[in-house]
């Protein structure tokens, strides 16, 4: 017993650098990412030989784990600019639909006009 206690007395503990908040966050995120990836791999391995209904259940769980993985990485993503809001997408879709509607109407009128021009006889030039 004395040899064990003596060997511990010879160990010098070094002071570690105090971890910053950002380092702690990165370490926690890395652990969450490892855990989620491991779970996803395990779920993928489980799917072999299962019924389609069981595949659906496992894929739902995998989707949830993927969402958690994304949430873990979200603070580390560099976002240049903020994404447009849902209202902006709806407004763009509405304008696109209106433009397509106008295009179809004008194309129909153009086709009618060209068909009418083809049907009318051309005057013969006296020369």
C-alpha atoms as a PDB file:
ATOM      1  CA  UNK A   1       0.000   0.000   0.000  1.00  0.00           C
ATOM      2  CA  UNK A   2       2.777   2.384   0.711  1.00  0.00           C
ATOM      3  CA  UNK A   3       4.099   2.024  -2.858  1.00  0.00           C
ATOM      4  CA  UNK A   4       0.769   3.040  -4.298  1.00  0.00           C
ATOM      5  CA  UNK A   5       0.457   6.112  -2.136  1.00  0.00           C
ATOM      6  CA  UNK A   6       4.079   7.027  -2.865  1.00  0.00           C
ATOM      7  CA  UNK A   7       3.531   6.791  -6.624  1.00  0.00           C
ATOM      8  CA  UNK A   8       0.564   9.200  -6.333  1.00  0.00           C
ATOM      9  CA  UNK A   9       2.715  11.609  -4.388  1.00  0.00           C
ATOM     10  CA  UNK A  10       5.127  11.780  -7.332  1.00  0.00           C
ATOM     11  CA  UNK A  11       2.447  12.856  -9.810  1.00  0.00           C
ATOM     12  CA  UNK A  12       2.498  16.573 -10.418  1.00  0.00           C
ATOM     13  CA  UNK A  13      -0.824  18.032 -11.441  1.00  0.00           C
ATOM     14  CA  UNK A  14      -0.523  20.645 -14.135  1.00  0.00           C
ATOM     15  CA  UNK A  15      -2.944  23.479 -14.326  1.00  0.00           C
ATOM     16  CA  UNK A  16      -4.997  23.323 -17.461  1.00  0.00           C
ATOM     17  CA  UNK A  17      -6.063  26.335 -19.376  1.00  0.00           C
ATOM     18  CA  UNK A  18      -9.435  27.502 -18.193  1.00  0.00           C
ATOM     19  CA  UNK A  19     -11.902  26.591 -20.879  1.00  0.00           C
ATOM     20  CA  UNK A  20     -13.720  29.473 -22.477  1.00  0.00           C
ATOM     21  CA  UNK A  21     -17.450  29.486 -22.929  1.00  0.00           C
ATOM     22  CA  UNK A  22     -17.004  29.118 -26.688  1.00  0.00           C
ATOM     23  CA  UNK A  23     -14.685  26.122 -26.224  1.00  0.00           C
ATOM     24  CA  UNK A  24     -17.207  24.499 -23.896  1.00  0.00           C
ATOM     25  CA  UNK A  25     -19.991  25.067 -26.414  1.00  0.00           C
ATOM     26  CA  UNK A  26     -17.901  23.596 -29.219  1.00  0.00           C
ATOM     27  CA  UNK A  27     -17.002  20.568 -27.110  1.00  0.00           C
ATOM     28  CA  UNK A  28     -20.633  20.006 -26.111  1.00  0.00           C
ATOM     29  CA  UNK A  29     -21.736  20.367 -29.730  1.00  0.00           C
ATOM     30  CA  UNK A  30     -19.065  17.909 -30.886  1.00  0.00           C
ATOM     31  CA  UNK A  31     -20.261  15.367 -28.331  1.00  0.00           C
ATOM     32  CA  UNK A  32     -23.890  15.847 -29.423  1.00  0.00           C
ATOM     33  CA  UNK A  33     -22.895  15.469 -33.078  1.00  0.00           C
ATOM     34  CA  UNK A  34     -20.975  12.261 -32.354  1.00  0.00           C
ATOM     35  CA  UNK A  35     -23.909  10.864 -30.387  1.00  0.00           C
ATOM     36  CA  UNK A  36     -26.479  11.772 -33.061  1.00  0.00           C
ATOM     37  CA  UNK A  37     -24.349  10.361 -35.879  1.00  0.00           C
ATOM     38  CA  UNK A  38     -23.819   7.151 -33.936  1.00  0.00           C
ATOM     39  CA  UNK A  39     -27.561   6.851 -33.352  1.00  0.00           C
ATOM     40  CA  UNK A  40     -28.303   7.484 -37.017  1.00  0.00           C
ATOM     41  CA  UNK A  41     -25.843   4.787 -38.047  1.00  0.00           C
ATOM     42  CA  UNK A  42     -27.418   2.384 -35.571  1.00  0.00           C
ATOM     43  CA  UNK A  43     -30.903   3.119 -36.882  1.00  0.00           C
ATOM     44  CA  UNK A  44     -29.717   2.589 -40.471  1.00  0.00           C
ATOM     45  CA  UNK A  45     -28.269  -0.788 -39.454  1.00  0.00           C
ATOM     46  CA  UNK A  46     -31.562  -1.728 -37.779  1.00  0.00           C
ATOM     47  CA  UNK A  47     -33.549  -1.123 -40.952  1.00  0.00           C
ATOM     48  CA  UNK A  48     -32.112  -4.136 -42.751  1.00  0.00           C
ATOM     49  CA  UNK A  49     -34.701  -6.893 -42.960  1.00  0.00           C
ATOM     50  CA  UNK A  50     -37.590  -4.916 -41.431  1.00  0.00           C
ATOM     51  CA  UNK A  51     -41.052  -4.358 -42.828  1.00  0.00           C
ATOM     52  CA  UNK A  52     -41.981  -1.148 -44.674  1.00  0.00           C
ATOM     53  CA  UNK A  53     -44.087  -0.020 -41.705  1.00  0.00           C
ATOM     54  CA  UNK A  54     -41.094  -0.398 -39.413  1.00  0.00           C
ATOM     55  CA  UNK A  55     -38.955   1.478 -41.950  1.00  0.00           C
ATOM     56  CA  UNK A  56     -41.352   4.409 -41.713  1.00  0.00           C
ATOM     57  CA  UNK A  57     -41.145   4.425 -37.920  1.00  0.00           C
ATOM     58  CA  UNK A  58     -37.352   4.307 -37.951  1.00  0.00           C
ATOM     59  CA  UNK A  59     -37.141   7.019 -40.614  1.00  0.00           C
ATOM     60  CA  UNK A  60     -39.311   9.286 -38.460  1.00  0.00           C
ATOM     61  CA  UNK A  61     -36.962   8.777 -35.529  1.00  0.00           C
ATOM     62  CA  UNK A  62     -33.986   9.384 -37.822  1.00  0.00           C
ATOM     63  CA  UNK A  63     -35.578  12.630 -39.025  1.00  0.00           C
ATOM     64  CA  UNK A  64     -35.965  13.788 -35.427  1.00  0.00           C
ATOM     65  CA  UNK A  65     -32.335  12.912 -34.667  1.00  0.00           C
ATOM     66  CA  UNK A  66     -31.252  14.782 -37.797  1.00  0.00           C
ATOM     67  CA  UNK A  67     -33.205  17.814 -36.591  1.00  0.00           C
ATOM     68  CA  UNK A  68     -31.396  17.587 -33.240  1.00  0.00           C
ATOM     69  CA  UNK A  69     -28.081  17.318 -35.088  1.00  0.00           C
ATOM     70  CA  UNK A  70     -28.901  20.426 -37.081  1.00  0.00           C
ATOM     71  CA  UNK A  71     -29.837  22.272 -33.901  1.00  0.00           C
ATOM     72  CA  UNK A  72     -26.493  21.307 -32.344  1.00  0.00           C
ATOM     73  CA  UNK A  73     -24.605  22.725 -35.334  1.00  0.00           C
ATOM     74  CA  UNK A  74     -26.770  25.804 -35.830  1.00  0.00           C
ATOM     75  CA  UNK A  75     -24.734  28.141 -33.567  1.00  0.00           C
ATOM     76  CA  UNK A  76     -21.610  27.395 -35.623  1.00  0.00           C
ATOM     77  CA  UNK A  77     -23.105  28.132 -39.031  1.00  0.00           C
ATOM     78  CA  UNK A  78     -22.075  31.415 -40.575  1.00  0.00           C
ATOM     79  CA  UNK A  79     -25.115  33.198 -41.856  1.00  0.00           C
ATOM     80  CA  UNK A  80     -24.294  35.948 -44.322  1.00  0.00           C
ATOM     81  CA  UNK A  81     -27.775  37.344 -44.528  1.00  0.00           C
ATOM     82  CA  UNK A  82     -31.073  36.460 -43.063  1.00  0.00           C
ATOM     83  CA  UNK A  83     -33.414  34.286 -45.102  1.00  0.00           C
ATOM     84  CA  UNK A  84     -36.514  35.939 -46.528  1.00  0.00           C
ATOM     85  CA  UNK A  85     -39.659  35.440 -44.534  1.00  0.00           C
ATOM     86  CA  UNK A  86     -42.592  33.255 -45.500  1.00  0.00           C
ATOM     87  CA  UNK A  87     -44.584  36.321 -46.566  1.00  0.00           C
ATOM     88  CA  UNK A  88     -41.864  37.203 -49.083  1.00  0.00           C
ATOM     89  CA  UNK A  89     -42.067  33.723 -50.613  1.00  0.00           C
ATOM     90  CA  UNK A  90     -45.853  33.941 -50.801  1.00  0.00           C
ATOM     91  CA  UNK A  91     -45.695  37.354 -52.448  1.00  0.00           C
ATOM     92  CA  UNK A  92     -43.136  36.129 -55.005  1.00  0.00           C
ATOM     93  CA  UNK A  93     -45.278  33.072 -55.752  1.00  0.00           C
ATOM     94  CA  UNK A  94     -48.361  35.263 -56.201  1.00  0.00           C
ATOM     95  CA  UNK A  95     -46.502  37.599 -58.587  1.00  0.00           C
ATOM     96  CA  UNK A  96     -45.169  34.614 -60.535  1.00  0.00           C
ATOM     97  CA  UNK A  97     -48.660  33.166 -60.891  1.00  0.00           C
ATOM     98  CA  UNK A  98     -50.012  36.535 -62.068  1.00  0.00           C
ATOM     99  CA  UNK A  99     -47.211  36.883 -64.624  1.00  0.00           C
ATOM    100  CA  UNK A 100     -47.790  33.350 -65.916  1.00  0.00           C
ATOM    101  CA  UNK A 101     -51.500  34.058 -66.225  1.00  0.00           C
ATOM    102  CA  UNK A 102     -50.796  37.255 -68.190  1.00  0.00           C
ATOM    103  CA  UNK A 103     -48.291  35.383 -70.355  1.00  0.00           C
ATOM    104  CA  UNK A 104     -50.817  32.655 -71.202  1.00  0.00           C
ATOM    105  CA  UNK A 105     -53.469  35.238 -72.074  1.00  0.00           C
ATOM    106  CA  UNK A 106     -51.095  37.257 -74.278  1.00  0.00           C
ATOM    107  CA  UNK A 107     -49.763  34.104 -75.948  1.00  0.00           C
ATOM    108  CA  UNK A 108     -53.329  33.057 -76.758  1.00  0.00           C
ATOM    109  CA  UNK A 109     -54.052  36.486 -78.261  1.00  0.00           C
ATOM    110  CA  UNK A 110     -50.859  36.310 -80.317  1.00  0.00           C
ATOM    111  CA  UNK A 111     -51.773  32.884 -81.646  1.00  0.00           C
ATOM    112  CA  UNK A 112     -55.296  34.081 -82.516  1.00  0.00           C
ATOM    113  CA  UNK A 113     -53.881  37.126 -84.301  1.00  0.00           C
ATOM    114  CA  UNK A 114     -51.349  35.112 -86.287  1.00  0.00           C
ATOM    115  CA  UNK A 115     -54.016  32.542 -87.207  1.00  0.00           C
ATOM    116  CA  UNK A 116     -56.341  35.345 -88.372  1.00  0.00           C
ATOM    117  CA  UNK A 117     -53.568  36.881 -90.458  1.00  0.00           C
ATOM    118  CA  UNK A 118     -52.860  33.544 -92.115  1.00  0.00           C
ATOM    119  CA  UNK A 119     -56.547  33.147 -93.027  1.00  0.00           C
ATOM    120  CA  UNK A 120     -57.075  36.575 -94.589  1.00  0.00           C
ATOM    121  CA  UNK A 121     -56.068  36.853 -98.242  1.00  0.00           C
ATOM    122  CA  UNK A 122     -53.227  39.219 -99.023  1.00  0.00           C
ATOM    123  CA  UNK A 123     -53.892  42.036-101.472  1.00  0.00           C
ATOM    124  CA  UNK A 124     -52.099  41.645-104.766  1.00  0.00           C
ATOM    125  CA  UNK A 125     -49.783  44.483-105.590  1.00  0.00           C
ATOM    126  CA  UNK A 126     -50.277  46.101-108.985  1.00  0.00           C
ATOM    127  CA  UNK A 127     -47.021  46.808-110.413  1.00  0.00           C
END
